[in-house]
Amino acid sequence: MRGVITLRDVMANLGLVRREFGSLCVVRCLLAALSRRRTTFLEVALRLKDS
């Protein structure tokens, strides 16, 4: 298990992510996946606002 989010993961769970974490988290996940930045979902979802 890599733990890195992929565009496929985001698209497969789009509704769940939006419902539980909000639309801004969906956008951040999509941007991270499209930029091919190696990051985990938790790093994106729980990002501090001052970062």
N, C-alpha and C. Protein backbone atom coordinates (compact mmCIF):
# COMPACT_ATOMS: atom_id res chain seq x y z
N MET A 1 0.84 -1.18 0.00
CA MET A 1 0.00 0.00 0.00
C MET A 1 0.88 1.24 0.00
N ARG A 2 0.65 2.11 -0.95
CA ARG A 2 1.47 3.32 -1.08
C ARG A 2 1.00 4.46 -0.20
N GLY A 3 -0.28 4.60 -0.03
CA GLY A 3 -0.82 5.67 0.78
C GLY A 3 -0.94 7.00 0.05
N VAL A 4 -0.50 7.05 -1.20
CA VAL A 4 -0.54 8.27 -1.98
C VAL A 4 -1.87 8.34 -2.72
N ILE A 5 -2.50 9.52 -2.68
CA ILE A 5 -3.78 9.65 -3.37
C ILE A 5 -3.56 9.75 -4.87
N THR A 6 -4.49 9.20 -5.60
CA THR A 6 -4.45 9.27 -7.05
C THR A 6 -5.75 9.87 -7.55
N LEU A 7 -5.75 10.30 -8.78
CA LEU A 7 -6.96 10.86 -9.37
C LEU A 7 -8.09 9.82 -9.37
N ARG A 8 -7.74 8.59 -9.61
CA ARG A 8 -8.73 7.50 -9.58
C ARG A 8 -9.37 7.38 -8.19
N ASP A 9 -8.57 7.47 -7.14
CA ASP A 9 -9.08 7.40 -5.77
C ASP A 9 -10.03 8.56 -5.49
N VAL A 10 -9.62 9.76 -5.88
CA VAL A 10 -10.44 10.94 -5.63
C VAL A 10 -11.77 10.82 -6.36
N MET A 11 -11.73 10.45 -7.62
CA MET A 11 -12.97 10.35 -8.41
C MET A 11 -13.89 9.25 -7.89
N ALA A 12 -13.32 8.14 -7.44
CA ALA A 12 -14.12 7.02 -6.93
C ALA A 12 -14.82 7.38 -5.61
N ASN A 13 -14.25 8.33 -4.87
CA ASN A 13 -14.80 8.67 -3.56
C ASN A 13 -15.21 10.14 -3.45
N LEU A 14 -15.51 10.73 -4.58
CA LEU A 14 -15.82 12.15 -4.65
C LEU A 14 -16.96 12.56 -3.71
N GLY A 15 -18.05 11.83 -3.76
CA GLY A 15 -19.20 12.15 -2.91
C GLY A 15 -18.89 12.03 -1.43
N LEU A 16 -18.20 11.00 -1.06
CA LEU A 16 -17.83 10.79 0.34
C LEU A 16 -16.91 11.90 0.84
N VAL A 17 -15.91 12.24 0.06
CA VAL A 17 -14.97 13.30 0.46
C VAL A 17 -15.72 14.62 0.61
N ARG A 18 -16.59 14.93 -0.33
CA ARG A 18 -17.34 16.18 -0.27
C ARG A 18 -18.27 16.22 0.94
N ARG A 19 -18.96 15.13 1.18
CA ARG A 19 -19.90 15.06 2.30
C ARG A 19 -19.19 15.16 3.65
N GLU A 20 -18.06 14.48 3.79
CA GLU A 20 -17.38 14.42 5.09
C GLU A 20 -16.38 15.55 5.32
N PHE A 21 -15.75 16.06 4.25
CA PHE A 21 -14.67 17.04 4.42
C PHE A 21 -14.94 18.37 3.73
N GLY A 22 -15.93 18.43 2.84
CA GLY A 22 -16.30 19.68 2.19
C GLY A 22 -15.73 19.83 0.79
N SER A 23 -16.28 20.80 0.09
CA SER A 23 -15.90 21.04 -1.31
C SER A 23 -14.47 21.51 -1.45
N LEU A 24 -13.99 22.31 -0.51
CA LEU A 24 -12.61 22.78 -0.58
C LEU A 24 -11.62 21.63 -0.52
N CYS A 25 -11.92 20.63 0.28
CA CYS A 25 -11.06 19.46 0.36
C CYS A 25 -11.06 18.71 -0.96
N VAL A 26 -12.20 18.62 -1.62
CA VAL A 26 -12.28 17.97 -2.92
C VAL A 26 -11.38 18.69 -3.92
N VAL A 27 -11.45 20.00 -3.92
CA VAL A 27 -10.62 20.79 -4.84
C VAL A 27 -9.14 20.57 -4.54
N ARG A 28 -8.77 20.60 -3.26
CA ARG A 28 -7.36 20.38 -2.89
C ARG A 28 -6.90 18.98 -3.28
N CYS A 29 -7.76 17.98 -3.12
CA CYS A 29 -7.42 16.61 -3.52
C CYS A 29 -7.22 16.51 -5.02
N LEU A 30 -8.13 17.13 -5.78
CA LEU A 30 -8.01 17.10 -7.24
C LEU A 30 -6.74 17.80 -7.69
N LEU A 31 -6.43 18.95 -7.10
CA LEU A 31 -5.21 19.67 -7.47
C LEU A 31 -3.96 18.86 -7.13
N ALA A 32 -3.96 18.22 -5.98
CA ALA A 32 -2.81 17.40 -5.59
C ALA A 32 -2.65 16.22 -6.54
N ALA A 33 -3.75 15.59 -6.90
CA ALA A 33 -3.69 14.43 -7.80
C ALA A 33 -3.26 14.84 -9.20
N LEU A 34 -3.80 15.95 -9.69
CA LEU A 34 -3.47 16.41 -11.04
C LEU A 34 -2.02 16.91 -11.15
N SER A 35 -1.50 17.45 -10.05
CA SER A 35 -0.13 17.94 -10.08
C SER A 35 0.87 16.82 -9.85
N ARG A 36 0.35 15.62 -9.60
CA ARG A 36 1.17 14.44 -9.35
C ARG A 36 2.09 14.61 -8.14
N ARG A 37 1.68 15.49 -7.24
CA ARG A 37 2.41 15.68 -5.99
C ARG A 37 2.22 14.43 -5.13
N ARG A 38 3.30 13.90 -4.61
CA ARG A 38 3.21 12.69 -3.78
C ARG A 38 2.77 13.10 -2.38
N THR A 39 1.50 12.89 -2.10
CA THR A 39 0.94 13.26 -0.81
C THR A 39 -0.16 12.27 -0.44
N THR A 40 -0.46 12.21 0.82
CA THR A 40 -1.53 11.33 1.28
C THR A 40 -2.82 12.14 1.43
N PHE A 41 -3.92 11.43 1.50
CA PHE A 41 -5.20 12.09 1.68
C PHE A 41 -5.23 12.88 2.98
N LEU A 42 -4.70 12.31 4.04
CA LEU A 42 -4.73 13.00 5.33
C LEU A 42 -3.92 14.29 5.31
N GLU A 43 -2.82 14.30 4.58
CA GLU A 43 -2.05 15.54 4.46
C GLU A 43 -2.86 16.63 3.78
N VAL A 44 -3.66 16.25 2.82
CA VAL A 44 -4.50 17.22 2.10
C VAL A 44 -5.72 17.60 2.95
N ALA A 45 -6.40 16.62 3.48
CA ALA A 45 -7.66 16.86 4.20
C ALA A 45 -7.46 17.59 5.52
N LEU A 46 -6.37 17.31 6.20
CA LEU A 46 -6.16 17.88 7.53
C LEU A 46 -5.12 18.99 7.52
N ARG A 47 -4.89 19.57 6.36
CA ARG A 47 -3.91 20.64 6.22
C ARG A 47 -4.29 21.82 7.10
N LEU A 48 -3.31 22.34 7.79
CA LEU A 48 -3.56 23.51 8.65
C LEU A 48 -3.79 24.74 7.79
N LYS A 49 -4.65 25.61 8.23
CA LYS A 49 -5.00 26.79 7.43
C LYS A 49 -3.83 27.73 7.28
N ASP A 50 -2.87 27.74 8.20
CA ASP A 50 -1.75 28.67 8.10
C ASP A 50 -0.61 28.12 7.24
N SER A 51 -0.73 26.90 6.76
CA SER A 51 0.34 26.30 5.93
C SER A 51 0.25 26.74 4.50
